[in-house]
Amino acid sequence: MMRNQKGTSLVSVIVSFAVLMIVLLLLQISITASGRYAARADEVWQKAVDAENKYVNGDGSKKADMGLTMKSDKGNTEFWGSMEIWKTDDGEADIYYIKN
C-alpha cells in the first residue's frame, strides 16, 4: 500500500539545501577565523624579528645586574657568575632578555 507521498521530494530538497547552507556557513567561519589567526601570527612573528634585530644590534636598555649563587643544604654559598637583564624598547611590548 502506498500512502500519499505528494510533496515529500520538495521537503527533502528544502532540507538538503538547509543542511548545505549550514555546512557552507561553518566552512566560511573556519576560513575567516584561520585568516585572522594567520594575520595575528604574522604580527607576533614581526615583533619577534624586531626584538631579535634589537638584540643582535645591541639596541636595548640595561635593566638590572644579577649575581648568581648556589646555596647548599649545609648553608654554604658559592658564587657562580653574573648576568644582565636587558629590555628591547619598541614602545608597544617589552621583551626582556639576558646577557652574561
PDB file of N, CA and C in Angstrom:
ATOM      1  N   MET A   1       0.822  -1.165   0.000  1.00  0.00           N
ATOM      2  CA  MET A   1       0.000   0.000   0.000  1.00  0.00           C
ATOM      3  C   MET A   1       0.878   1.245   0.000  1.00  0.00           C
ATOM      4  N   MET A   2       0.637   2.118  -0.878  1.00  0.00           N
ATOM      5  CA  MET A   2       1.355   3.378  -0.972  1.00  0.00           C
ATOM      6  C   MET A   2       0.516   4.483  -0.357  1.00  0.00           C
ATOM      7  N   ARG A   3       1.124   5.168   0.563  1.00  0.00           N
ATOM      8  CA  ARG A   3       0.449   6.326   1.129  1.00  0.00           C
ATOM      9  C   ARG A   3       0.629   7.509   0.191  1.00  0.00           C
ATOM     10  N   ASN A   4      -0.072   8.543   0.474  1.00  0.00           N
ATOM     11  CA  ASN A   4       0.050   9.746  -0.327  1.00  0.00           C
ATOM     12  C   ASN A   4       1.370  10.428   0.012  1.00  0.00           C
ATOM     13  N   GLN A   5       2.327  10.414  -0.897  1.00  0.00           N
ATOM     14  CA  GLN A   5       3.655  10.984  -0.661  1.00  0.00           C
ATOM     15  C   GLN A   5       3.856  12.253  -1.465  1.00  0.00           C
ATOM     16  N   LYS A   6       2.799  12.915  -1.756  1.00  0.00           N
ATOM     17  CA  LYS A   6       2.869  14.141  -2.517  1.00  0.00           C
ATOM     18  C   LYS A   6       3.609  15.213  -1.711  1.00  0.00           C
ATOM     19  N   GLY A   7       4.611  15.848  -2.317  1.00  0.00           N
ATOM     20  CA  GLY A   7       5.343  16.921  -1.661  1.00  0.00           C
ATOM     21  C   GLY A   7       6.552  16.481  -0.863  1.00  0.00           C
ATOM     22  N   THR A   8       6.772  15.173  -0.728  1.00  0.00           N
ATOM     23  CA  THR A   8       7.934  14.736   0.065  1.00  0.00           C
ATOM     24  C   THR A   8       9.242  15.042  -0.643  1.00  0.00           C
ATOM     25  N   SER A   9       9.275  15.004  -1.955  1.00  0.00           N
ATOM     26  CA  SER A   9      10.519  15.326  -2.654  1.00  0.00           C
ATOM     27  C   SER A   9      10.854  16.809  -2.489  1.00  0.00           C
ATOM     28  N   LEU A  10       9.847  17.670  -2.448  1.00  0.00           N
ATOM     29  CA  LEU A  10      10.078  19.089  -2.212  1.00  0.00           C
ATOM     30  C   LEU A  10      10.627  19.322  -0.806  1.00  0.00           C
ATOM     31  N   VAL A  11      10.107  18.611   0.180  1.00  0.00           N
ATOM     32  CA  VAL A  11      10.601  18.718   1.555  1.00  0.00           C
ATOM     33  C   VAL A  11      12.044  18.239   1.638  1.00  0.00           C
ATOM     34  N   SER A  12      12.353  17.150   0.967  1.00  0.00           N
ATOM     35  CA  SER A  12      13.729  16.633   1.007  1.00  0.00           C
ATOM     36  C   SER A  12      14.700  17.603   0.343  1.00  0.00           C
ATOM     37  N   VAL A  13      14.272  18.289  -0.720  1.00  0.00           N
ATOM     38  CA  VAL A  13      15.131  19.276  -1.365  1.00  0.00           C
ATOM     39  C   VAL A  13      15.361  20.462  -0.432  1.00  0.00           C
ATOM     40  N   ILE A  14      14.336  20.931   0.247  1.00  0.00           N
ATOM     41  CA  ILE A  14      14.471  22.051   1.189  1.00  0.00           C
ATOM     42  C   ILE A  14      15.396  21.679   2.338  1.00  0.00           C
ATOM     43  N   VAL A  15      15.229  20.487   2.886  1.00  0.00           N
ATOM     44  CA  VAL A  15      16.090  20.025   3.982  1.00  0.00           C
ATOM     45  C   VAL A  15      17.536  19.889   3.505  1.00  0.00           C
ATOM     46  N   SER A  16      17.720  19.377   2.301  1.00  0.00           N
ATOM     47  CA  SER A  16      19.079  19.231   1.760  1.00  0.00           C
ATOM     48  C   SER A  16      19.756  20.585   1.596  1.00  0.00           C
ATOM     49  N   PHE A  17      19.017  21.585   1.079  1.00  0.00           N
ATOM     50  CA  PHE A  17      19.588  22.923   0.957  1.00  0.00           C
ATOM     51  C   PHE A  17      19.886  23.529   2.322  1.00  0.00           C
ATOM     52  N   ALA A  18      19.052  23.288   3.307  1.00  0.00           N
ATOM     53  CA  ALA A  18      19.301  23.804   4.654  1.00  0.00           C
ATOM     54  C   ALA A  18      20.590  23.205   5.226  1.00  0.00           C
ATOM     55  N   VAL A  19      20.766  21.909   5.059  1.00  0.00           N
ATOM     56  CA  VAL A  19      21.982  21.244   5.534  1.00  0.00           C
ATOM     57  C   VAL A  19      23.202  21.782   4.782  1.00  0.00           C
ATOM     58  N   LEU A  20      23.060  21.977   3.472  1.00  0.00           N
ATOM     59  CA  LEU A  20      24.155  22.527   2.675  1.00  0.00           C
ATOM     60  C   LEU A  20      24.519  23.930   3.142  1.00  0.00           C
ATOM     61  N   MET A  21      23.546  24.760   3.441  1.00  0.00           N
ATOM     62  CA  MET A  21      23.818  26.116   3.925  1.00  0.00           C
ATOM     63  C   MET A  21      24.528  26.099   5.278  1.00  0.00           C
ATOM     64  N   ILE A  22      24.153  25.188   6.152  1.00  0.00           N
ATOM     65  CA  ILE A  22      24.813  25.066   7.452  1.00  0.00           C
ATOM     66  C   ILE A  22      26.278  24.681   7.267  1.00  0.00           C
ATOM     67  N   VAL A  23      26.527  23.721   6.387  1.00  0.00           N
ATOM     68  CA  VAL A  23      27.904  23.282   6.127  1.00  0.00           C
ATOM     69  C   VAL A  23      28.721  24.421   5.518  1.00  0.00           C
ATOM     70  N   LEU A  24      28.137  25.149   4.565  1.00  0.00           N
ATOM     71  CA  LEU A  24      28.847  26.265   3.955  1.00  0.00           C
ATOM     72  C   LEU A  24      29.116  27.378   4.956  1.00  0.00           C
ATOM     73  N   LEU A  25      28.182  27.631   5.858  1.00  0.00           N
ATOM     74  CA  LEU A  25      28.388  28.634   6.893  1.00  0.00           C
ATOM     75  C   LEU A  25      29.543  28.242   7.815  1.00  0.00           C
ATOM     76  N   LEU A  26      29.592  26.983   8.222  1.00  0.00           N
ATOM     77  CA  LEU A  26      30.698  26.512   9.067  1.00  0.00           C
ATOM     78  C   LEU A  26      32.033  26.617   8.340  1.00  0.00           C
ATOM     79  N   LEU A  27      32.040  26.304   7.051  1.00  0.00           N
ATOM     80  CA  LEU A  27      33.262  26.415   6.252  1.00  0.00           C
ATOM     81  C   LEU A  27      33.712  27.871   6.159  1.00  0.00           C
ATOM     82  N   GLN A  28      32.766  28.771   5.928  1.00  0.00           N
ATOM     83  CA  GLN A  28      33.103  30.187   5.835  1.00  0.00           C
ATOM     84  C   GLN A  28      33.634  30.722   7.161  1.00  0.00           C
ATOM     85  N   ILE A  29      33.054  30.312   8.268  1.00  0.00           N
ATOM     86  CA  ILE A  29      33.523  30.742   9.591  1.00  0.00           C
ATOM     87  C   ILE A  29      34.938  30.243   9.844  1.00  0.00           C
ATOM     88  N   SER A  30      35.208  28.994   9.486  1.00  0.00           N
ATOM     89  CA  SER A  30      36.552  28.454   9.731  1.00  0.00           C
ATOM     90  C   SER A  30      37.588  29.130   8.839  1.00  0.00           C
ATOM     91  N   ILE A  31      37.236  29.467   7.611  1.00  0.00           N
ATOM     92  CA  ILE A  31      38.184  30.160   6.727  1.00  0.00           C
ATOM     93  C   ILE A  31      38.459  31.570   7.247  1.00  0.00           C
ATOM     94  N   THR A  32      37.425  32.260   7.694  1.00  0.00           N
ATOM     95  CA  THR A  32      37.594  33.607   8.241  1.00  0.00           C
ATOM     96  C   THR A  32      38.461  33.571   9.500  1.00  0.00           C
ATOM     97  N   ALA A  33      38.195  32.618  10.379  1.00  0.00           N
ATOM     98  CA  ALA A  33      38.981  32.515  11.616  1.00  0.00           C
ATOM     99  C   ALA A  33      40.439  32.194  11.311  1.00  0.00           C
ATOM    100  N   SER A  34      40.685  31.307  10.361  1.00  0.00           N
ATOM    101  CA  SER A  34      42.078  30.971  10.047  1.00  0.00           C
ATOM    102  C   SER A  34      42.812  32.174   9.448  1.00  0.00           C
ATOM    103  N   GLY A  35      42.103  32.999   8.694  1.00  0.00           N
ATOM    104  CA  GLY A  35      42.723  34.225   8.173  1.00  0.00           C
ATOM    105  C   GLY A  35      43.106  35.179   9.286  1.00  0.00           C
ATOM    106  N   ARG A  36      42.219  35.321  10.276  1.00  0.00           N
ATOM    107  CA  ARG A  36      42.538  36.188  11.416  1.00  0.00           C
ATOM    108  C   ARG A  36      43.719  35.635  12.201  1.00  0.00           C
ATOM    109  N   TYR A  37      43.746  34.318  12.422  1.00  0.00           N
ATOM    110  CA  TYR A  37      44.854  33.716  13.161  1.00  0.00           C
ATOM    111  C   TYR A  37      46.170  33.874  12.408  1.00  0.00           C
ATOM    112  N   ALA A  38      46.136  33.743  11.099  1.00  0.00           N
ATOM    113  CA  ALA A  38      47.350  33.907  10.301  1.00  0.00           C
ATOM    114  C   ALA A  38      47.851  35.346  10.373  1.00  0.00           C
ATOM    115  N   ALA A  39      46.932  36.308  10.338  1.00  0.00           N
ATOM    116  CA  ALA A  39      47.334  37.715  10.442  1.00  0.00           C
ATOM    117  C   ALA A  39      47.934  38.004  11.811  1.00  0.00           C
ATOM    118  N   ARG A  40      47.339  37.469  12.867  1.00  0.00           N
ATOM    119  CA  ARG A  40      47.871  37.678  14.224  1.00  0.00           C
ATOM    120  C   ARG A  40      49.237  37.011  14.373  1.00  0.00           C
ATOM    121  N   ALA A  41      49.392  35.813  13.816  1.00  0.00           N
ATOM    122  CA  ALA A  41      50.681  35.122  13.885  1.00  0.00           C
ATOM    123  C   ALA A  41      51.752  35.927  13.157  1.00  0.00           C
ATOM    124  N   ASP A  42      51.385  36.574  12.058  1.00  0.00           N
ATOM    125  CA  ASP A  42      52.341  37.398  11.332  1.00  0.00           C
ATOM    126  C   ASP A  42      52.769  38.598  12.163  1.00  0.00           C
ATOM    127  N   GLU A  43      51.834  39.206  12.890  1.00  0.00           N
ATOM    128  CA  GLU A  43      52.176  40.334  13.769  1.00  0.00           C
ATOM    129  C   GLU A  43      53.143  39.905  14.868  1.00  0.00           C
ATOM    130  N   VAL A  44      52.855  38.764  15.499  1.00  0.00           N
ATOM    131  CA  VAL A  44      53.723  38.269  16.575  1.00  0.00           C
ATOM    132  C   VAL A  44      55.101  37.916  16.021  1.00  0.00           C
ATOM    133  N   TRP A  45      55.128  37.298  14.841  1.00  0.00           N
ATOM    134  CA  TRP A  45      56.400  36.949  14.216  1.00  0.00           C
ATOM    135  C   TRP A  45      57.215  38.205  13.929  1.00  0.00           C
ATOM    136  N   GLN A  46      56.553  39.261  13.446  1.00  0.00           N
ATOM    137  CA  GLN A  46      57.256  40.504  13.147  1.00  0.00           C
ATOM    138  C   GLN A  46      57.836  41.131  14.412  1.00  0.00           C
ATOM    139  N   LYS A  47      57.096  41.074  15.520  1.00  0.00           N
ATOM    140  CA  LYS A  47      57.618  41.589  16.789  1.00  0.00           C
ATOM    141  C   LYS A  47      58.832  40.787  17.239  1.00  0.00           C
ATOM    142  N   ALA A  48      58.783  39.475  17.052  1.00  0.00           N
ATOM    143  CA  ALA A  48      59.924  38.639  17.436  1.00  0.00           C
ATOM    144  C   ALA A  48      61.148  38.964  16.578  1.00  0.00           C
ATOM    145  N   VAL A  49      60.926  39.197  15.296  1.00  0.00           N
ATOM    146  CA  VAL A  49      62.038  39.558  14.408  1.00  0.00           C
ATOM    147  C   VAL A  49      62.623  40.906  14.815  1.00  0.00           C
ATOM    148  N   ASP A  50      61.760  41.871  15.128  1.00  0.00           N
ATOM    149  CA  ASP A  50      62.252  43.180  15.572  1.00  0.00           C
ATOM    150  C   ASP A  50      63.052  43.062  16.866  1.00  0.00           C
ATOM    151  N   ALA A  51      62.550  42.255  17.807  1.00  0.00           N
ATOM    152  CA  ALA A  51      63.266  42.062  19.071  1.00  0.00           C
ATOM    153  C   ALA A  51      64.606  41.380  18.834  1.00  0.00           C
ATOM    154  N   GLU A  52      64.630  40.406  17.935  1.00  0.00           N
ATOM    155  CA  GLU A  52      65.887  39.728  17.627  1.00  0.00           C
ATOM    156  C   GLU A  52      66.886  40.705  17.003  1.00  0.00           C
ATOM    157  N   ASN A  53      66.406  41.557  16.106  1.00  0.00           N
ATOM    158  CA  ASN A  53      67.299  42.546  15.495  1.00  0.00           C
ATOM    159  C   ASN A  53      67.844  43.512  16.537  1.00  0.00           C
ATOM    160  N   LYS A  54      67.005  43.932  17.466  1.00  0.00           N
ATOM    161  CA  LYS A  54      67.483  44.828  18.524  1.00  0.00           C
ATOM    162  C   LYS A  54      68.477  44.113  19.422  1.00  0.00           C
ATOM    163  N   TYR A  55      68.250  42.829  19.668  1.00  0.00           N
ATOM    164  CA  TYR A  55      69.192  42.051  20.486  1.00  0.00           C
ATOM    165  C   TYR A  55      70.535  41.932  19.770  1.00  0.00           C
ATOM    166  N   VAL A  56      70.502  41.579  18.501  1.00  0.00           N
ATOM    167  CA  VAL A  56      71.736  41.384  17.742  1.00  0.00           C
ATOM    168  C   VAL A  56      72.490  42.704  17.585  1.00  0.00           C
ATOM    169  N   ASN A  57      71.762  43.788  17.350  1.00  0.00           N
ATOM    170  CA  ASN A  57      72.395  45.094  17.127  1.00  0.00           C
ATOM    171  C   ASN A  57      72.702  45.838  18.423  1.00  0.00           C
ATOM    172  N   GLY A  58      72.269  45.293  19.549  1.00  0.00           N
ATOM    173  CA  GLY A  58      72.540  45.928  20.834  1.00  0.00           C
ATOM    174  C   GLY A  58      71.702  47.173  21.082  1.00  0.00           C
ATOM    175  N   ASP A  59      70.482  47.208  20.588  1.00  0.00           N
ATOM    176  CA  ASP A  59      69.629  48.389  20.737  1.00  0.00           C
ATOM    177  C   ASP A  59      68.683  48.292  21.933  1.00  0.00           C
ATOM    178  N   GLY A  60      69.091  47.616  22.968  1.00  0.00           N
ATOM    179  CA  GLY A  60      68.238  47.508  24.151  1.00  0.00           C
ATOM    180  C   GLY A  60      68.745  48.405  25.264  1.00  0.00           C
ATOM    181  N   SER A  61      68.033  48.378  26.369  1.00  0.00           N
ATOM    182  CA  SER A  61      68.481  49.140  27.536  1.00  0.00           C
ATOM    183  C   SER A  61      68.670  48.176  28.706  1.00  0.00           C
ATOM    184  N   LYS A  62      69.742  48.383  29.449  1.00  0.00           N
ATOM    185  CA  LYS A  62      70.076  47.516  30.572  1.00  0.00           C
ATOM    186  C   LYS A  62      69.156  47.831  31.744  1.00  0.00           C
ATOM    187  N   LYS A  63      68.552  46.786  32.326  1.00  0.00           N
ATOM    188  CA  LYS A  63      67.607  46.991  33.418  1.00  0.00           C
ATOM    189  C   LYS A  63      68.157  46.567  34.774  1.00  0.00           C
ATOM    190  N   ALA A  64      68.993  45.530  34.824  1.00  0.00           N
ATOM    191  CA  ALA A  64      69.479  45.069  36.128  1.00  0.00           C
ATOM    192  C   ALA A  64      70.717  44.195  35.955  1.00  0.00           C
ATOM    193  N   ASP A  65      71.557  44.175  37.001  1.00  0.00           N
ATOM    194  CA  ASP A  65      72.667  43.234  37.124  1.00  0.00           C
ATOM    195  C   ASP A  65      72.290  42.249  38.223  1.00  0.00           C
ATOM    196  N   MET A  66      72.491  40.989  37.973  1.00  0.00           N
ATOM    197  CA  MET A  66      72.146  39.979  38.979  1.00  0.00           C
ATOM    198  C   MET A  66      73.328  39.049  39.182  1.00  0.00           C
ATOM    199  N   GLY A  67      73.628  38.769  40.421  1.00  0.00           N
ATOM    200  CA  GLY A  67      74.645  37.798  40.748  1.00  0.00           C
ATOM    201  C   GLY A  67      74.007  36.436  40.957  1.00  0.00           C
ATOM    202  N   LEU A  68      74.663  35.401  40.474  1.00  0.00           N
ATOM    203  CA  LEU A  68      74.153  34.044  40.598  1.00  0.00           C
ATOM    204  C   LEU A  68      74.967  33.294  41.643  1.00  0.00           C
ATOM    205  N   THR A  69      74.298  32.786  42.656  1.00  0.00           N
ATOM    206  CA  THR A  69      74.962  31.994  43.682  1.00  0.00           C
ATOM    207  C   THR A  69      74.202  30.698  43.879  1.00  0.00           C
ATOM    208  N   MET A  70      74.926  29.687  44.335  1.00  0.00           N
ATOM    209  CA  MET A  70      74.308  28.417  44.667  1.00  0.00           C
ATOM    210  C   MET A  70      74.437  28.222  46.169  1.00  0.00           C
ATOM    211  N   LYS A  71      73.338  27.865  46.791  1.00  0.00           N
ATOM    212  CA  LYS A  71      73.351  27.639  48.230  1.00  0.00           C
ATOM    213  C   LYS A  71      73.081  26.158  48.477  1.00  0.00           C
ATOM    214  N   SER A  72      73.970  25.520  49.247  1.00  0.00           N
ATOM    215  CA  SER A  72      73.811  24.087  49.516  1.00  0.00           C
ATOM    216  C   SER A  72      72.911  23.878  50.742  1.00  0.00           C
ATOM    217  N   ASP A  73      72.550  22.635  50.983  1.00  0.00           N
ATOM    218  CA  ASP A  73      71.723  22.305  52.146  1.00  0.00           C
ATOM    219  C   ASP A  73      72.447  22.619  53.457  1.00  0.00           C
ATOM    220  N   LYS A  74      73.755  22.609  53.432  1.00  0.00           N
ATOM    221  CA  LYS A  74      74.541  22.867  54.638  1.00  0.00           C
ATOM    222  C   LYS A  74      74.727  24.354  54.907  1.00  0.00           C
ATOM    223  N   GLY A  75      74.226  25.217  54.015  1.00  0.00           N
ATOM    224  CA  GLY A  75      74.334  26.656  54.221  1.00  0.00           C
ATOM    225  C   GLY A  75      75.501  27.305  53.513  1.00  0.00           C
ATOM    226  N   ASN A  76      76.295  26.530  52.803  1.00  0.00           N
ATOM    227  CA  ASN A  76      77.424  27.097  52.061  1.00  0.00           C
ATOM    228  C   ASN A  76      76.904  27.774  50.793  1.00  0.00           C
ATOM    229  N   THR A  77      77.471  28.905  50.467  1.00  0.00           N
ATOM    230  CA  THR A  77      77.105  29.587  49.222  1.00  0.00           C
ATOM    231  C   THR A  77      78.334  29.681  48.333  1.00  0.00           C
ATOM    232  N   GLU A  78      78.095  29.566  47.042  1.00  0.00           N
ATOM    233  CA  GLU A  78      79.181  29.622  46.067  1.00  0.00           C
ATOM    234  C   GLU A  78      78.758  30.554  44.936  1.00  0.00           C
ATOM    235  N   PHE A  79      79.615  31.513  44.600  1.00  0.00           N
ATOM    236  CA  PHE A  79      79.331  32.451  43.517  1.00  0.00           C
ATOM    237  C   PHE A  79      79.507  31.743  42.184  1.00  0.00           C
ATOM    238  N   TRP A  80      78.493  31.828  41.322  1.00  0.00           N
ATOM    239  CA  TRP A  80      78.532  31.148  40.025  1.00  0.00           C
ATOM    240  C   TRP A  80      78.713  32.094  38.863  1.00  0.00           C
ATOM    241  N   GLY A  81      78.482  33.351  39.054  1.00  0.00           N
ATOM    242  CA  GLY A  81      78.647  34.298  37.948  1.00  0.00           C
ATOM    243  C   GLY A  81      77.623  35.405  38.045  1.00  0.00           C
ATOM    244  N   SER A  82      77.481  36.130  36.960  1.00  0.00           N
ATOM    245  CA  SER A  82      76.520  37.228  36.941  1.00  0.00           C
ATOM    246  C   SER A  82      75.833  37.273  35.583  1.00  0.00           C
ATOM    247  N   MET A  83      74.723  37.977  35.558  1.00  0.00           N
ATOM    248  CA  MET A  83      74.004  38.169  34.303  1.00  0.00           C
ATOM    249  C   MET A  83      73.379  39.556  34.290  1.00  0.00           C
ATOM    250  N   GLU A  84      73.115  40.033  33.103  1.00  0.00           N
ATOM    251  CA  GLU A  84      72.488  41.335  32.923  1.00  0.00           C
ATOM    252  C   GLU A  84      71.106  41.134  32.302  1.00  0.00           C
ATOM    253  N   ILE A  85      70.120  41.826  32.816  1.00  0.00           N
ATOM    254  CA  ILE A  85      68.784  41.770  32.240  1.00  0.00           C
ATOM    255  C   ILE A  85      68.608  43.014  31.379  1.00  0.00           C
ATOM    256  N   TRP A  86      68.287  42.808  30.120  1.00  0.00           N
ATOM    257  CA  TRP A  86      68.107  43.877  29.148  1.00  0.00           C
ATOM    258  C   TRP A  86      66.664  43.868  28.651  1.00  0.00           C
ATOM    259  N   LYS A  87      66.235  45.001  28.127  1.00  0.00           N
ATOM    260  CA  LYS A  87      64.880  45.127  27.591  1.00  0.00           C
ATOM    261  C   LYS A  87      64.944  45.821  26.237  1.00  0.00           C
ATOM    262  N   THR A  88      64.214  45.288  25.271  1.00  0.00           N
ATOM    263  CA  THR A  88      64.087  45.982  23.994  1.00  0.00           C
ATOM    264  C   THR A  88      63.048  47.075  24.154  1.00  0.00           C
ATOM    265  N   ASP A  89      63.318  48.235  23.611  1.00  0.00           N
ATOM    266  CA  ASP A  89      62.413  49.368  23.737  1.00  0.00           C
ATOM    267  C   ASP A  89      61.691  49.583  22.414  1.00  0.00           C
ATOM    268  N   ASP A  90      60.586  48.883  22.232  1.00  0.00           N
ATOM    269  CA  ASP A  90      59.838  49.077  20.987  1.00  0.00           C
ATOM    270  C   ASP A  90      58.575  49.887  21.208  1.00  0.00           C
ATOM    271  N   GLY A  91      58.307  50.307  22.438  1.00  0.00           N
ATOM    272  CA  GLY A  91      57.168  51.162  22.704  1.00  0.00           C
ATOM    273  C   GLY A  91      55.860  50.428  22.912  1.00  0.00           C
ATOM    274  N   GLU A  92      55.712  49.251  22.352  1.00  0.00           N
ATOM    275  CA  GLU A  92      54.437  48.537  22.462  1.00  0.00           C
ATOM    276  C   GLU A  92      54.522  47.372  23.433  1.00  0.00           C
ATOM    277  N   ALA A  93      55.408  46.446  23.170  1.00  0.00           N
ATOM    278  CA  ALA A  93      55.561  45.278  24.035  1.00  0.00           C
ATOM    279  C   ALA A  93      57.002  45.227  24.515  1.00  0.00           C
ATOM    280  N   ASP A  94      57.184  45.086  25.810  1.00  0.00           N
ATOM    281  CA  ASP A  94      58.522  44.986  26.372  1.00  0.00           C
ATOM    282  C   ASP A  94      58.982  43.545  26.299  1.00  0.00           C
ATOM    283  N   ILE A  95      60.120  43.330  25.680  1.00  0.00           N
ATOM    284  CA  ILE A  95      60.681  41.985  25.553  1.00  0.00           C
ATOM    285  C   ILE A  95      62.006  41.978  26.304  1.00  0.00           C
ATOM    286  N   TYR A  96      62.109  41.131  27.296  1.00  0.00           N
ATOM    287  CA  TYR A  96      63.303  41.057  28.133  1.00  0.00           C
ATOM    288  C   TYR A  96      64.182  39.904  27.687  1.00  0.00           C
ATOM    289  N   TYR A  97      65.487  40.081  27.823  1.00  0.00           N
ATOM    290  CA  TYR A  97      66.435  39.014  27.510  1.00  0.00           C
ATOM    291  C   TYR A  97      67.630  39.147  28.442  1.00  0.00           C
ATOM    292  N   ILE A  98      68.427  38.095  28.479  1.00  0.00           N
ATOM    293  CA  ILE A  98      69.531  38.031  29.451  1.00  0.00           C
ATOM    294  C   ILE A  98      70.849  37.947  28.691  1.00  0.00           C
ATOM    295  N   LYS A  99      71.805  38.742  29.140  1.00  0.00           N
ATOM    296  CA  LYS A  99      73.177  38.674  28.643  1.00  0.00           C
ATOM    297  C   LYS A  99      74.058  38.301  29.824  1.00  0.00           C
ATOM    298  N   ASN A 100      75.157  37.652  29.538  1.00  0.00           N
ATOM    299  CA  ASN A 100      76.085  37.352  30.626  1.00  0.00           C
ATOM    300  C   ASN A 100      77.445  37.892  30.328  1.00  0.00           C
TER     301      ASN A 100
END
